[in-house]
Amino acid sequence: MIRKSTKQSSFLDADYICERLVPQDSFYRKFKELVTPLIKDEHFEHMYCEDNGRPAISPAMLACACILQFYRGLFDREMEYACSFDICIKHALGLEIDERPFDHSTLGNFRQRLLEHGQETKIIC
């Protein structure tokens, strides 16, 4: 089951803050504008149970996180930290400033799920 995005407003509006902090020519701004819209949860739906268990973290967001992780050459724990505290990464992934999206083990579990379903070529991580 894939968790549906609610995009509730936060006290710290990430879009408002990041529009001022992330430079216009930043790789992370371009990533958010060009890459993130191409990767959708629907591309990974067949890898998740539709009616059982807790809703999964957005597989599209995890795929984008894996791409950024590869780009930056980060280990899973380092990527977890970056997703929690790096404003550029948060902006690229569409995260709120105060959001801590996932545990480092989630990235390894996602890559394993890609392998189990023969989808390892969907992303490079």
N, C-alpha and C. Protein backbone atom coordinates (compact mmCIF):
# COMPACT_ATOMS: atom_id res chain seq x y z
N MET A 1 0.86 -1.17 0.00
CA MET A 1 0.00 0.00 0.00
C MET A 1 0.90 1.23 0.00
N ILE A 2 0.63 2.16 -0.89
CA ILE A 2 1.42 3.39 -0.99
C ILE A 2 0.66 4.51 -0.30
N ARG A 3 1.38 5.22 0.56
CA ARG A 3 0.79 6.35 1.29
C ARG A 3 0.48 7.48 0.32
N LYS A 4 -0.71 8.01 0.41
CA LYS A 4 -1.11 9.13 -0.43
C LYS A 4 -0.57 10.43 0.15
N SER A 5 -0.06 11.28 -0.71
CA SER A 5 0.49 12.56 -0.27
C SER A 5 -0.63 13.52 0.11
N THR A 6 -0.50 14.12 1.29
CA THR A 6 -1.52 15.07 1.73
C THR A 6 -1.05 16.50 1.55
N LYS A 7 0.27 16.70 1.52
CA LYS A 7 0.87 18.03 1.35
C LYS A 7 0.20 19.07 2.25
N GLN A 8 0.16 18.77 3.56
CA GLN A 8 -0.37 19.72 4.51
C GLN A 8 0.62 20.85 4.69
N SER A 9 0.10 22.02 5.00
CA SER A 9 0.97 23.16 5.23
C SER A 9 1.73 22.97 6.53
N SER A 10 2.93 23.49 6.54
CA SER A 10 3.77 23.42 7.72
C SER A 10 4.01 24.83 8.22
N PHE A 11 4.37 24.92 9.49
CA PHE A 11 4.72 26.21 10.05
C PHE A 11 5.90 26.80 9.28
N LEU A 12 6.79 25.92 8.85
CA LEU A 12 7.95 26.33 8.06
C LEU A 12 7.69 25.93 6.61
N ASP A 13 7.17 26.82 5.82
CA ASP A 13 6.83 26.52 4.43
C ASP A 13 8.10 26.35 3.60
N ALA A 14 8.38 25.11 3.22
CA ALA A 14 9.62 24.80 2.52
C ALA A 14 9.73 25.53 1.18
N ASP A 15 8.64 25.58 0.42
CA ASP A 15 8.70 26.24 -0.88
C ASP A 15 9.06 27.72 -0.73
N TYR A 16 8.45 28.37 0.23
CA TYR A 16 8.72 29.79 0.46
C TYR A 16 10.18 30.01 0.85
N ILE A 17 10.68 29.19 1.76
CA ILE A 17 12.05 29.34 2.24
C ILE A 17 13.05 28.97 1.15
N CYS A 18 12.82 27.85 0.50
CA CYS A 18 13.77 27.36 -0.49
C CYS A 18 13.82 28.23 -1.74
N GLU A 19 12.71 28.85 -2.09
CA GLU A 19 12.72 29.76 -3.23
C GLU A 19 13.72 30.90 -3.01
N ARG A 20 13.97 31.22 -1.76
CA ARG A 20 14.89 32.30 -1.43
C ARG A 20 16.30 31.81 -1.17
N LEU A 21 16.46 30.55 -0.74
CA LEU A 21 17.77 30.05 -0.34
C LEU A 21 18.48 29.23 -1.43
N VAL A 22 17.72 28.51 -2.24
CA VAL A 22 18.34 27.67 -3.27
C VAL A 22 18.50 28.51 -4.54
N PRO A 23 19.74 28.68 -5.01
CA PRO A 23 19.98 29.52 -6.19
C PRO A 23 19.21 29.03 -7.43
N GLN A 24 18.88 29.97 -8.30
CA GLN A 24 18.13 29.65 -9.52
C GLN A 24 18.86 28.65 -10.40
N ASP A 25 20.17 28.69 -10.43
CA ASP A 25 20.94 27.80 -11.30
C ASP A 25 21.42 26.54 -10.58
N SER A 26 20.89 26.27 -9.41
CA SER A 26 21.29 25.13 -8.61
C SER A 26 20.89 23.80 -9.26
N PHE A 27 21.75 22.81 -9.16
CA PHE A 27 21.45 21.46 -9.62
C PHE A 27 20.17 20.95 -8.95
N TYR A 28 20.00 21.24 -7.67
CA TYR A 28 18.86 20.72 -6.91
C TYR A 28 17.55 21.36 -7.34
N ARG A 29 17.59 22.62 -7.72
CA ARG A 29 16.38 23.27 -8.26
C ARG A 29 16.02 22.66 -9.61
N LYS A 30 17.03 22.44 -10.45
CA LYS A 30 16.78 21.81 -11.76
C LYS A 30 16.27 20.38 -11.58
N PHE A 31 16.82 19.66 -10.61
CA PHE A 31 16.37 18.30 -10.34
C PHE A 31 14.89 18.30 -9.97
N LYS A 32 14.50 19.22 -9.09
CA LYS A 32 13.09 19.29 -8.67
C LYS A 32 12.19 19.63 -9.86
N GLU A 33 12.64 20.52 -10.72
CA GLU A 33 11.82 20.96 -11.84
C GLU A 33 11.76 19.93 -12.97
N LEU A 34 12.86 19.22 -13.23
CA LEU A 34 12.95 18.37 -14.41
C LEU A 34 12.84 16.87 -14.13
N VAL A 35 13.43 16.40 -13.06
CA VAL A 35 13.49 14.96 -12.79
C VAL A 35 12.33 14.50 -11.93
N THR A 36 12.11 15.19 -10.82
CA THR A 36 11.08 14.76 -9.87
C THR A 36 9.71 14.55 -10.52
N PRO A 37 9.25 15.42 -11.42
CA PRO A 37 7.93 15.18 -12.04
C PRO A 37 7.86 13.93 -12.92
N LEU A 38 9.00 13.44 -13.37
CA LEU A 38 9.01 12.26 -14.25
C LEU A 38 8.85 10.94 -13.49
N ILE A 39 9.16 10.95 -12.20
CA ILE A 39 9.12 9.73 -11.41
C ILE A 39 7.88 9.77 -10.53
N LYS A 40 6.97 8.84 -10.76
CA LYS A 40 5.67 8.83 -10.06
C LYS A 40 5.49 7.54 -9.28
N ASP A 41 4.71 7.62 -8.21
CA ASP A 41 4.42 6.44 -7.40
C ASP A 41 3.78 5.33 -8.23
N GLU A 42 3.00 5.71 -9.23
CA GLU A 42 2.31 4.73 -10.07
C GLU A 42 3.30 3.78 -10.78
N HIS A 43 4.52 4.26 -11.03
CA HIS A 43 5.52 3.43 -11.69
C HIS A 43 5.95 2.26 -10.81
N PHE A 44 5.70 2.34 -9.51
CA PHE A 44 6.16 1.32 -8.56
C PHE A 44 5.00 0.60 -7.87
N GLU A 45 3.76 0.90 -8.22
CA GLU A 45 2.60 0.33 -7.54
C GLU A 45 2.60 -1.19 -7.52
N HIS A 46 3.03 -1.82 -8.60
CA HIS A 46 3.02 -3.28 -8.69
C HIS A 46 3.97 -3.93 -7.69
N MET A 47 4.84 -3.17 -7.07
CA MET A 47 5.79 -3.71 -6.10
C MET A 47 5.25 -3.70 -4.68
N TYR A 48 4.06 -3.14 -4.48
CA TYR A 48 3.48 -2.98 -3.14
C TYR A 48 2.11 -3.63 -3.07
N CYS A 49 1.78 -4.15 -1.89
CA CYS A 49 0.46 -4.72 -1.65
C CYS A 49 -0.56 -3.58 -1.60
N GLU A 50 -1.70 -3.79 -2.24
CA GLU A 50 -2.71 -2.73 -2.33
C GLU A 50 -3.54 -2.55 -1.07
N ASP A 51 -3.71 -3.63 -0.31
CA ASP A 51 -4.68 -3.55 0.79
C ASP A 51 -4.18 -4.11 2.12
N ASN A 52 -2.90 -4.23 2.30
CA ASN A 52 -2.40 -4.84 3.52
C ASN A 52 -1.17 -4.07 4.02
N GLY A 53 -1.07 -3.92 5.32
CA GLY A 53 0.10 -3.30 5.92
C GLY A 53 0.00 -1.79 6.02
N ARG A 54 1.03 -1.23 6.60
CA ARG A 54 1.11 0.22 6.73
C ARG A 54 1.39 0.84 5.38
N PRO A 55 0.89 2.04 5.15
CA PRO A 55 1.22 2.71 3.87
C PRO A 55 2.72 2.93 3.74
N ALA A 56 3.25 2.67 2.56
CA ALA A 56 4.68 2.82 2.29
C ALA A 56 5.04 4.28 2.10
N ILE A 57 6.29 4.58 2.38
CA ILE A 57 6.84 5.88 2.03
C ILE A 57 6.81 5.98 0.52
N SER A 58 6.58 7.15 -0.02
CA SER A 58 6.48 7.34 -1.46
C SER A 58 7.67 6.71 -2.19
N PRO A 59 7.41 5.70 -3.02
CA PRO A 59 8.52 5.11 -3.77
C PRO A 59 9.13 6.08 -4.77
N ALA A 60 8.36 7.01 -5.27
CA ALA A 60 8.91 8.02 -6.18
C ALA A 60 9.92 8.90 -5.44
N MET A 61 9.60 9.28 -4.21
CA MET A 61 10.52 10.08 -3.41
C MET A 61 11.77 9.27 -3.08
N LEU A 62 11.60 7.97 -2.78
CA LEU A 62 12.76 7.13 -2.50
C LEU A 62 13.63 6.96 -3.74
N ALA A 63 13.00 6.83 -4.91
CA ALA A 63 13.77 6.72 -6.15
C ALA A 63 14.58 8.00 -6.38
N CYS A 64 13.96 9.13 -6.19
CA CYS A 64 14.67 10.41 -6.34
C CYS A 64 15.78 10.53 -5.31
N ALA A 65 15.51 10.08 -4.08
CA ALA A 65 16.53 10.11 -3.03
C ALA A 65 17.72 9.23 -3.42
N CYS A 66 17.45 8.07 -4.02
CA CYS A 66 18.53 7.18 -4.46
C CYS A 66 19.37 7.84 -5.55
N ILE A 67 18.73 8.52 -6.45
CA ILE A 67 19.46 9.22 -7.52
C ILE A 67 20.35 10.30 -6.92
N LEU A 68 19.80 11.09 -6.01
CA LEU A 68 20.59 12.14 -5.36
C LEU A 68 21.71 11.54 -4.50
N GLN A 69 21.43 10.43 -3.87
CA GLN A 69 22.44 9.73 -3.07
C GLN A 69 23.60 9.30 -3.95
N PHE A 70 23.30 8.74 -5.10
CA PHE A 70 24.33 8.33 -6.04
C PHE A 70 25.12 9.54 -6.54
N TYR A 71 24.40 10.62 -6.86
CA TYR A 71 25.03 11.85 -7.35
C TYR A 71 26.03 12.41 -6.33
N ARG A 72 25.62 12.37 -5.06
CA ARG A 72 26.48 12.93 -4.00
C ARG A 72 27.49 11.91 -3.46
N GLY A 73 27.35 10.64 -3.81
CA GLY A 73 28.27 9.62 -3.31
C GLY A 73 28.11 9.37 -1.82
N LEU A 74 26.87 9.33 -1.35
CA LEU A 74 26.59 9.19 0.08
C LEU A 74 26.22 7.75 0.44
N PHE A 75 26.59 7.35 1.64
CA PHE A 75 26.11 6.10 2.21
C PHE A 75 24.67 6.32 2.68
N ASP A 76 23.97 5.23 2.99
CA ASP A 76 22.57 5.34 3.40
C ASP A 76 22.38 6.23 4.62
N ARG A 77 23.21 6.07 5.63
CA ARG A 77 23.10 6.91 6.83
C ARG A 77 23.36 8.37 6.52
N GLU A 78 24.30 8.63 5.63
CA GLU A 78 24.59 10.01 5.24
C GLU A 78 23.43 10.61 4.47
N MET A 79 22.77 9.80 3.65
CA MET A 79 21.61 10.28 2.90
C MET A 79 20.45 10.56 3.84
N GLU A 80 20.25 9.70 4.83
CA GLU A 80 19.21 9.96 5.84
C GLU A 80 19.47 11.31 6.50
N TYR A 81 20.71 11.57 6.87
CA TYR A 81 21.08 12.84 7.50
C TYR A 81 20.84 14.01 6.54
N ALA A 82 21.25 13.84 5.28
CA ALA A 82 21.06 14.91 4.29
C ALA A 82 19.58 15.21 4.09
N CYS A 83 18.74 14.17 4.06
CA CYS A 83 17.30 14.37 3.88
C CYS A 83 16.67 15.06 5.09
N SER A 84 17.32 14.97 6.22
CA SER A 84 16.80 15.60 7.42
C SER A 84 17.29 17.04 7.59
N PHE A 85 18.51 17.33 7.09
CA PHE A 85 19.11 18.62 7.43
C PHE A 85 19.63 19.45 6.26
N ASP A 86 19.73 18.91 5.07
CA ASP A 86 20.27 19.65 3.92
C ASP A 86 19.11 20.29 3.15
N ILE A 87 19.07 21.60 3.16
CA ILE A 87 17.94 22.32 2.55
C ILE A 87 17.87 22.07 1.04
N CYS A 88 19.00 21.96 0.37
CA CYS A 88 18.98 21.71 -1.08
C CYS A 88 18.35 20.35 -1.39
N ILE A 89 18.72 19.32 -0.63
CA ILE A 89 18.15 17.99 -0.84
C ILE A 89 16.66 18.01 -0.51
N LYS A 90 16.30 18.65 0.60
CA LYS A 90 14.89 18.76 0.97
C LYS A 90 14.09 19.42 -0.16
N HIS A 91 14.65 20.47 -0.73
CA HIS A 91 13.97 21.17 -1.82
C HIS A 91 13.80 20.26 -3.04
N ALA A 92 14.88 19.55 -3.39
CA ALA A 92 14.83 18.67 -4.56
C ALA A 92 13.80 17.55 -4.40
N LEU A 93 13.62 17.07 -3.15
CA LEU A 93 12.69 15.98 -2.90
C LEU A 93 11.29 16.46 -2.53
N GLY A 94 11.11 17.77 -2.40
CA GLY A 94 9.81 18.31 -2.05
C GLY A 94 9.43 18.08 -0.60
N LEU A 95 10.42 18.02 0.26
CA LEU A 95 10.18 17.80 1.68
C LEU A 95 9.99 19.12 2.42
N GLU A 96 9.28 19.06 3.52
CA GLU A 96 9.14 20.23 4.39
C GLU A 96 10.44 20.41 5.17
N ILE A 97 10.71 21.62 5.61
CA ILE A 97 11.94 21.92 6.33
C ILE A 97 12.05 21.09 7.60
N ASP A 98 10.94 20.89 8.30
CA ASP A 98 10.96 20.16 9.57
C ASP A 98 10.63 18.67 9.41
N GLU A 99 10.66 18.16 8.18
CA GLU A 99 10.31 16.77 7.92
C GLU A 99 11.54 15.86 7.96
N ARG A 100 11.39 14.72 8.63
CA ARG A 100 12.42 13.67 8.63
C ARG A 100 11.78 12.48 7.92
N PRO A 101 12.06 12.29 6.64
CA PRO A 101 11.26 11.40 5.80
C PRO A 101 11.40 9.90 6.03
N PHE A 102 12.59 9.41 6.33
CA PHE A 102 12.77 7.96 6.44
C PHE A 102 14.05 7.63 7.19
N ASP A 103 14.12 6.38 7.64
CA ASP A 103 15.31 5.82 8.25
C ASP A 103 16.25 5.34 7.15
N HIS A 104 17.53 5.30 7.43
CA HIS A 104 18.51 4.88 6.41
C HIS A 104 18.23 3.48 5.88
N SER A 105 17.67 2.60 6.70
CA SER A 105 17.40 1.23 6.26
C SER A 105 16.33 1.19 5.16
N THR A 106 15.50 2.21 5.09
CA THR A 106 14.45 2.27 4.08
C THR A 106 15.03 2.31 2.67
N LEU A 107 16.16 2.98 2.51
CA LEU A 107 16.81 3.05 1.19
C LEU A 107 17.27 1.67 0.75
N GLY A 108 17.91 0.93 1.65
CA GLY A 108 18.34 -0.43 1.31
C GLY A 108 17.16 -1.34 1.03
N ASN A 109 16.10 -1.20 1.81
CA ASN A 109 14.88 -2.01 1.59
C ASN A 109 14.26 -1.68 0.23
N PHE A 110 14.26 -0.41 -0.15
CA PHE A 110 13.70 0.00 -1.43
C PHE A 110 14.53 -0.58 -2.59
N ARG A 111 15.86 -0.51 -2.47
CA ARG A 111 16.71 -1.07 -3.52
C ARG A 111 16.51 -2.59 -3.62
N GLN A 112 16.35 -3.25 -2.48
CA GLN A 112 16.09 -4.69 -2.47
C GLN A 112 14.76 -5.01 -3.15
N ARG A 113 13.75 -4.20 -2.88
CA ARG A 113 12.43 -4.39 -3.51
C ARG A 113 12.54 -4.22 -5.03
N LEU A 114 13.33 -3.24 -5.48
CA LEU A 114 13.55 -3.07 -6.92
C LEU A 114 14.15 -4.34 -7.52
N LEU A 115 15.15 -4.90 -6.85
CA LEU A 115 15.79 -6.13 -7.34
C LEU A 115 14.82 -7.30 -7.38
N GLU A 116 14.03 -7.45 -6.31
CA GLU A 116 13.10 -8.57 -6.23
C GLU A 116 12.04 -8.53 -7.34
N HIS A 117 11.72 -7.33 -7.80
CA HIS A 117 10.69 -7.18 -8.84
C HIS A 117 11.30 -6.91 -10.22
N GLY A 118 12.60 -7.09 -10.34
CA GLY A 118 13.26 -6.90 -11.64
C GLY A 118 13.19 -5.47 -12.15
N GLN A 119 13.15 -4.52 -11.25
CA GLN A 119 13.03 -3.12 -11.63
C GLN A 119 14.31 -2.32 -11.37
N GLU A 120 15.43 -3.03 -11.20
CA GLU A 120 16.67 -2.34 -10.85
C GLU A 120 17.14 -1.35 -11.91
N THR A 121 16.69 -1.51 -13.14
CA THR A 121 17.10 -0.57 -14.19
C THR A 121 16.23 0.68 -14.23
N LYS A 122 15.16 0.73 -13.40
CA LYS A 122 14.31 1.93 -13.38
C LYS A 122 15.09 3.15 -12.90
N ILE A 123 15.96 2.92 -11.91
CA ILE A 123 16.80 4.00 -11.40
C ILE A 123 18.19 3.45 -11.20
N ILE A 124 19.14 4.30 -11.07
CA ILE A 124 20.52 3.89 -10.80
C ILE A 124 20.82 4.33 -9.38
N CYS A 125 21.06 3.38 -8.51
CA CYS A 125 21.42 3.72 -7.13
C CYS A 125 22.37 2.71 -6.55
